Amino acid sequence: MTREQVAKRLNPSRMADNARELAERLQGLKGAPPCTVALHIFEGEDHKSVIPASLGRALAYALTP
């Protein structure tokens, strides 16, 4: 096991949990204009690899009439 693998197991990221909490907060905002909140967790992706993985979804969302 590499040092990086050990570090990941000892200090798991809360990134997905934080994203879920943010989506819940945005859905429950009072006094804000109505908006749609959609959350998709890209398992196994990181900050660099999620860009190409999410680009298709982002374009489809942005270009939907």
PDB file of N, CA and C in Angstrom:
ATOM      1  N   MET A   1       0.852  -1.174   0.000  1.00  0.00           N
ATOM      2  CA  MET A   1       0.000   0.000   0.000  1.00  0.00           C
ATOM      3  C   MET A   1       0.900   1.241   0.000  1.00  0.00           C
ATOM      4  N   THR A   2       0.572   2.208  -0.868  1.00  0.00           N
ATOM      5  CA  THR A   2       1.378   3.421  -0.962  1.00  0.00           C
ATOM      6  C   THR A   2       1.026   4.391   0.161  1.00  0.00           C
ATOM      7  N   ARG A   3       1.858   5.356   0.345  1.00  0.00           N
ATOM      8  CA  ARG A   3       1.628   6.384   1.369  1.00  0.00           C
ATOM      9  C   ARG A   3       0.324   7.144   1.082  1.00  0.00           C
ATOM     10  N   GLU A   4       0.095   7.408  -0.192  1.00  0.00           N
ATOM     11  CA  GLU A   4      -1.125   8.120  -0.585  1.00  0.00           C
ATOM     12  C   GLU A   4      -2.376   7.295  -0.260  1.00  0.00           C
ATOM     13  N   GLN A   5      -2.337   6.009  -0.494  1.00  0.00           N
ATOM     14  CA  GLN A   5      -3.478   5.145  -0.183  1.00  0.00           C
ATOM     15  C   GLN A   5      -3.752   5.104   1.317  1.00  0.00           C
ATOM     16  N   VAL A   6      -2.694   5.064   2.116  1.00  0.00           N
ATOM     17  CA  VAL A   6      -2.852   5.070   3.576  1.00  0.00           C
ATOM     18  C   VAL A   6      -3.476   6.385   4.022  1.00  0.00           C
ATOM     19  N   ALA A   7      -2.997   7.501   3.469  1.00  0.00           N
ATOM     20  CA  ALA A   7      -3.529   8.816   3.837  1.00  0.00           C
ATOM     21  C   ALA A   7      -5.010   8.920   3.501  1.00  0.00           C
ATOM     22  N   LYS A   8      -5.419   8.379   2.347  1.00  0.00           N
ATOM     23  CA  LYS A   8      -6.831   8.427   1.962  1.00  0.00           C
ATOM     24  C   LYS A   8      -7.706   7.632   2.927  1.00  0.00           C
ATOM     25  N   ARG A   9      -7.205   6.506   3.387  1.00  0.00           N
ATOM     26  CA  ARG A   9      -7.992   5.683   4.316  1.00  0.00           C
ATOM     27  C   ARG A   9      -8.069   6.310   5.697  1.00  0.00           C
ATOM     28  N   LEU A  10      -7.012   6.978   6.125  1.00  0.00           N
ATOM     29  CA  LEU A  10      -6.994   7.574   7.454  1.00  0.00           C
ATOM     30  C   LEU A  10      -7.748   8.900   7.511  1.00  0.00           C
ATOM     31  N   ASN A  11      -7.803   9.619   6.409  1.00  0.00           N
ATOM     32  CA  ASN A  11      -8.437  10.934   6.383  1.00  0.00           C
ATOM     33  C   ASN A  11      -9.409  11.004   5.212  1.00  0.00           C
ATOM     34  N   PRO A  12     -10.560  10.345   5.308  1.00  0.00           N
ATOM     35  CA  PRO A  12     -11.493  10.331   4.182  1.00  0.00           C
ATOM     36  C   PRO A  12     -12.052  11.727   3.910  1.00  0.00           C
ATOM     37  N   SER A  13     -12.280  12.014   2.664  1.00  0.00           N
ATOM     38  CA  SER A  13     -12.801  13.316   2.250  1.00  0.00           C
ATOM     39  C   SER A  13     -14.284  13.424   2.558  1.00  0.00           C
ATOM     40  N   ARG A  14     -14.692  14.618   2.925  1.00  0.00           N
ATOM     41  CA  ARG A  14     -16.114  14.890   3.131  1.00  0.00           C
ATOM     42  C   ARG A  14     -16.693  15.618   1.928  1.00  0.00           C
ATOM     43  N   MET A  15     -15.989  15.585   0.813  1.00  0.00           N
ATOM     44  CA  MET A  15     -16.413  16.342  -0.352  1.00  0.00           C
ATOM     45  C   MET A  15     -17.837  15.985  -0.790  1.00  0.00           C
ATOM     46  N   ALA A  16     -18.149  14.708  -0.910  1.00  0.00           N
ATOM     47  CA  ALA A  16     -19.494  14.301  -1.337  1.00  0.00           C
ATOM     48  C   ALA A  16     -20.537  14.675  -0.289  1.00  0.00           C
ATOM     49  N   ASP A  17     -20.215  14.482   0.983  1.00  0.00           N
ATOM     50  CA  ASP A  17     -21.143  14.876   2.047  1.00  0.00           C
ATOM     51  C   ASP A  17     -21.392  16.377   2.032  1.00  0.00           C
ATOM     52  N   ASN A  18     -20.340  17.153   1.842  1.00  0.00           N
ATOM     53  CA  ASN A  18     -20.486  18.609   1.778  1.00  0.00           C
ATOM     54  C   ASN A  18     -21.355  19.024   0.597  1.00  0.00           C
ATOM     55  N   ALA A  19     -21.190  18.367  -0.536  1.00  0.00           N
ATOM     56  CA  ALA A  19     -22.004  18.677  -1.715  1.00  0.00           C
ATOM     57  C   ALA A  19     -23.474  18.370  -1.448  1.00  0.00           C
ATOM     58  N   ARG A  20     -23.740  17.247  -0.799  1.00  0.00           N
ATOM     59  CA  ARG A  20     -25.133  16.894  -0.464  1.00  0.00           C
ATOM     60  C   ARG A  20     -25.739  17.931   0.481  1.00  0.00           C
ATOM     61  N   GLU A  21     -24.979  18.331   1.491  1.00  0.00           N
ATOM     62  CA  GLU A  21     -25.466  19.327   2.454  1.00  0.00           C
ATOM     63  C   GLU A  21     -25.735  20.659   1.765  1.00  0.00           C
ATOM     64  N   LEU A  22     -24.871  21.061   0.843  1.00  0.00           N
ATOM     65  CA  LEU A  22     -25.081  22.310   0.114  1.00  0.00           C
ATOM     66  C   LEU A  22     -26.348  22.232  -0.730  1.00  0.00           C
ATOM     67  N   ALA A  23     -26.559  21.120  -1.421  1.00  0.00           N
ATOM     68  CA  ALA A  23     -27.769  20.956  -2.235  1.00  0.00           C
ATOM     69  C   ALA A  23     -29.023  21.047  -1.364  1.00  0.00           C
ATOM     70  N   GLU A  24     -28.990  20.433  -0.192  1.00  0.00           N
ATOM     71  CA  GLU A  24     -30.141  20.504   0.720  1.00  0.00           C
ATOM     72  C   GLU A  24     -30.391  21.934   1.172  1.00  0.00           C
ATOM     73  N   ARG A  25     -29.334  22.645   1.492  1.00  0.00           N
ATOM     74  CA  ARG A  25     -29.491  24.047   1.919  1.00  0.00           C
ATOM     75  C   ARG A  25     -30.055  24.902   0.794  1.00  0.00           C
ATOM     76  N   LEU A  26     -29.555  24.714  -0.425  1.00  0.00           N
ATOM     77  CA  LEU A  26     -30.035  25.507  -1.552  1.00  0.00           C
ATOM     78  C   LEU A  26     -31.505  25.235  -1.839  1.00  0.00           C
ATOM     79  N   GLN A  27     -31.934  23.987  -1.686  1.00  0.00           N
ATOM     80  CA  GLN A  27     -33.343  23.655  -1.916  1.00  0.00           C
ATOM     81  C   GLN A  27     -34.241  24.292  -0.867  1.00  0.00           C
ATOM     82  N   GLY A  28     -33.723  24.488   0.319  1.00  0.00           N
ATOM     83  CA  GLY A  28     -34.545  25.002   1.408  1.00  0.00           C
ATOM     84  C   GLY A  28     -34.439  26.497   1.632  1.00  0.00           C
ATOM     85  N   LEU A  29     -33.780  27.227   0.744  1.00  0.00           N
ATOM     86  CA  LEU A  29     -33.633  28.671   0.934  1.00  0.00           C
ATOM     87  C   LEU A  29     -34.979  29.367   0.857  1.00  0.00           C
ATOM     88  N   LYS A  30     -35.282  30.142   1.867  1.00  0.00           N
ATOM     89  CA  LYS A  30     -36.528  30.901   1.895  1.00  0.00           C
ATOM     90  C   LYS A  30     -36.258  32.309   1.389  1.00  0.00           C
ATOM     91  N   GLY A  31     -37.165  32.836   0.590  1.00  0.00           N
ATOM     92  CA  GLY A  31     -37.021  34.185   0.068  1.00  0.00           C
ATOM     93  C   GLY A  31     -36.154  34.265  -1.177  1.00  0.00           C
ATOM     94  N   ALA A  32     -35.582  33.154  -1.594  1.00  0.00           N
ATOM     95  CA  ALA A  32     -34.751  33.149  -2.798  1.00  0.00           C
ATOM     96  C   ALA A  32     -35.629  32.868  -4.005  1.00  0.00           C
ATOM     97  N   PRO A  33     -35.203  33.334  -5.182  1.00  0.00           N
ATOM     98  CA  PRO A  33     -35.979  33.008  -6.380  1.00  0.00           C
ATOM     99  C   PRO A  33     -36.010  31.496  -6.596  1.00  0.00           C
ATOM    100  N   PRO A  34     -37.085  30.991  -7.189  1.00  0.00           N
ATOM    101  CA  PRO A  34     -37.172  29.540  -7.402  1.00  0.00           C
ATOM    102  C   PRO A  34     -36.057  29.047  -8.326  1.00  0.00           C
ATOM    103  N   CYS A  35     -35.484  27.932  -7.972  1.00  0.00           N
ATOM    104  CA  CYS A  35     -34.440  27.339  -8.806  1.00  0.00           C
ATOM    105  C   CYS A  35     -34.479  25.821  -8.642  1.00  0.00           C
ATOM    106  N   THR A  36     -33.879  25.153  -9.603  1.00  0.00           N
ATOM    107  CA  THR A  36     -33.789  23.704  -9.562  1.00  0.00           C
ATOM    108  C   THR A  36     -32.402  23.321  -9.073  1.00  0.00           C
ATOM    109  N   VAL A  37     -32.347  22.462  -8.098  1.00  0.00           N
ATOM    110  CA  VAL A  37     -31.069  21.983  -7.579  1.00  0.00           C
ATOM    111  C   VAL A  37     -30.942  20.513  -7.960  1.00  0.00           C
ATOM    112  N   ALA A  38     -29.866  20.205  -8.670  1.00  0.00           N
ATOM    113  CA  ALA A  38     -29.604  18.824  -9.068  1.00  0.00           C
ATOM    114  C   ALA A  38     -28.211  18.450  -8.578  1.00  0.00           C
ATOM    115  N   LEU A  39     -28.091  17.281  -8.008  1.00  0.00           N
ATOM    116  CA  LEU A  39     -26.808  16.820  -7.490  1.00  0.00           C
ATOM    117  C   LEU A  39     -26.482  15.481  -8.117  1.00  0.00           C
ATOM    118  N   HIS A  40     -25.275  15.359  -8.625  1.00  0.00           N
ATOM    119  CA  HIS A  40     -24.795  14.078  -9.136  1.00  0.00           C
ATOM    120  C   HIS A  40     -23.390  13.869  -8.598  1.00  0.00           C
ATOM    121  N   ILE A  41     -23.182  12.784  -7.896  1.00  0.00           N
ATOM    122  CA  ILE A  41     -21.865  12.445  -7.358  1.00  0.00           C
ATOM    123  C   ILE A  41     -21.159  11.556  -8.375  1.00  0.00           C
ATOM    124  N   PHE A  42     -20.012  11.995  -8.848  1.00  0.00           N
ATOM    125  CA  PHE A  42     -19.213  11.224  -9.795  1.00  0.00           C
ATOM    126  C   PHE A  42     -18.222  10.387  -9.000  1.00  0.00           C
ATOM    127  N   GLU A  43     -18.632   9.158  -8.691  1.00  0.00           N
ATOM    128  CA  GLU A  43     -17.794   8.260  -7.892  1.00  0.00           C
ATOM    129  C   GLU A  43     -16.448   8.024  -8.568  1.00  0.00           C
ATOM    130  N   GLY A  44     -15.392   8.073  -7.800  1.00  0.00           N
ATOM    131  CA  GLY A  44     -14.062   7.775  -8.299  1.00  0.00           C
ATOM    132  C   GLY A  44     -13.394   8.907  -9.035  1.00  0.00           C
ATOM    133  N   GLU A  45     -14.049  10.062  -9.140  1.00  0.00           N
ATOM    134  CA  GLU A  45     -13.449  11.203  -9.833  1.00  0.00           C
ATOM    135  C   GLU A  45     -12.869  12.173  -8.816  1.00  0.00           C
ATOM    136  N   ASP A  46     -11.902  12.974  -9.266  1.00  0.00           N
ATOM    137  CA  ASP A  46     -11.335  14.011  -8.416  1.00  0.00           C
ATOM    138  C   ASP A  46     -11.527  15.363  -9.103  1.00  0.00           C
ATOM    139  N   HIS A  47     -10.910  16.416  -8.563  1.00  0.00           N
ATOM    140  CA  HIS A  47     -11.120  17.749  -9.122  1.00  0.00           C
ATOM    141  C   HIS A  47     -10.706  17.858 -10.583  1.00  0.00           C
ATOM    142  N   LYS A  48      -9.704  17.116 -10.994  1.00  0.00           N
ATOM    143  CA  LYS A  48      -9.257  17.185 -12.394  1.00  0.00           C
ATOM    144  C   LYS A  48     -10.097  16.302 -13.302  1.00  0.00           C
ATOM    145  N   SER A  49     -10.350  15.084 -12.883  1.00  0.00           N
ATOM    146  CA  SER A  49     -11.026  14.136 -13.772  1.00  0.00           C
ATOM    147  C   SER A  49     -12.534  14.356 -13.852  1.00  0.00           C
ATOM    148  N   VAL A  50     -13.113  15.106 -12.934  1.00  0.00           N
ATOM    149  CA  VAL A  50     -14.560  15.315 -12.961  1.00  0.00           C
ATOM    150  C   VAL A  50     -14.958  16.304 -14.056  1.00  0.00           C
ATOM    151  N   ILE A  51     -14.041  17.124 -14.514  1.00  0.00           N
ATOM    152  CA  ILE A  51     -14.387  18.124 -15.537  1.00  0.00           C
ATOM    153  C   ILE A  51     -14.877  17.452 -16.822  1.00  0.00           C
ATOM    154  N   PRO A  52     -14.092  16.578 -17.447  1.00  0.00           N
ATOM    155  CA  PRO A  52     -14.633  15.937 -18.654  1.00  0.00           C
ATOM    156  C   PRO A  52     -15.828  15.033 -18.354  1.00  0.00           C
ATOM    157  N   ALA A  53     -15.862  14.432 -17.185  1.00  0.00           N
ATOM    158  CA  ALA A  53     -16.973  13.554 -16.824  1.00  0.00           C
ATOM    159  C   ALA A  53     -18.279  14.326 -16.691  1.00  0.00           C
ATOM    160  N   SER A  54     -18.212  15.571 -16.262  1.00  0.00           N
ATOM    161  CA  SER A  54     -19.433  16.348 -16.017  1.00  0.00           C
ATOM    162  C   SER A  54     -19.781  17.311 -17.143  1.00  0.00           C
ATOM    163  N   LEU A  55     -18.885  17.520 -18.078  1.00  0.00           N
ATOM    164  CA  LEU A  55     -19.102  18.513 -19.133  1.00  0.00           C
ATOM    165  C   LEU A  55     -20.357  18.220 -19.957  1.00  0.00           C
ATOM    166  N   GLY A  56     -20.569  16.978 -20.327  1.00  0.00           N
ATOM    167  CA  GLY A  56     -21.758  16.628 -21.101  1.00  0.00           C
ATOM    168  C   GLY A  56     -23.044  16.948 -20.357  1.00  0.00           C
ATOM    169  N   ARG A  57     -23.090  16.643 -19.078  1.00  0.00           N
ATOM    170  CA  ARG A  57     -24.284  16.943 -18.272  1.00  0.00           C
ATOM    171  C   ARG A  57     -24.487  18.453 -18.156  1.00  0.00           C
ATOM    172  N   ALA A  58     -23.413  19.180 -17.963  1.00  0.00           N
ATOM    173  CA  ALA A  58     -23.512  20.631 -17.816  1.00  0.00           C
ATOM    174  C   ALA A  58     -24.042  21.278 -19.105  1.00  0.00           C
ATOM    175  N   LEU A  59     -23.532  20.847 -20.248  1.00  0.00           N
ATOM    176  CA  LEU A  59     -23.998  21.403 -21.527  1.00  0.00           C
ATOM    177  C   LEU A  59     -25.455  21.049 -21.776  1.00  0.00           C
ATOM    178  N   ALA A  60     -25.838  19.829 -21.518  1.00  0.00           N
ATOM    179  CA  ALA A  60     -27.227  19.429 -21.708  1.00  0.00           C
ATOM    180  C   ALA A  60     -28.170  20.261 -20.826  1.00  0.00           C
ATOM    181  N   TYR A  61     -27.758  20.494 -19.584  1.00  0.00           N
ATOM    182  CA  TYR A  61     -28.561  21.292 -18.657  1.00  0.00           C
ATOM    183  C   TYR A  61     -28.667  22.745 -19.140  1.00  0.00           C
ATOM    184  N   ALA A  62     -27.510  23.312 -19.528  1.00  0.00           N
ATOM    185  CA  ALA A  62     -27.476  24.718 -19.936  1.00  0.00           C
ATOM    186  C   ALA A  62     -28.235  24.975 -21.242  1.00  0.00           C
ATOM    187  N   LEU A  63     -28.252  24.002 -22.130  1.00  0.00           N
ATOM    188  CA  LEU A  63     -28.851  24.207 -23.450  1.00  0.00           C
ATOM    189  C   LEU A  63     -30.288  23.714 -23.559  1.00  0.00           C
ATOM    190  N   THR A  64     -30.835  23.191 -22.460  1.00  0.00           N
ATOM    191  CA  THR A  64     -32.228  22.745 -22.466  1.00  0.00           C
ATOM    192  C   THR A  64     -33.144  23.958 -22.389  1.00  0.00           C
ATOM    193  N   PRO A  65     -34.079  24.077 -23.352  1.00  0.00           N
ATOM    194  CA  PRO A  65     -34.979  25.259 -23.343  1.00  0.00           C
ATOM    195  C   PRO A  65     -35.916  25.268 -22.142  1.00  0.00           C
TER     196      PRO A  65
END
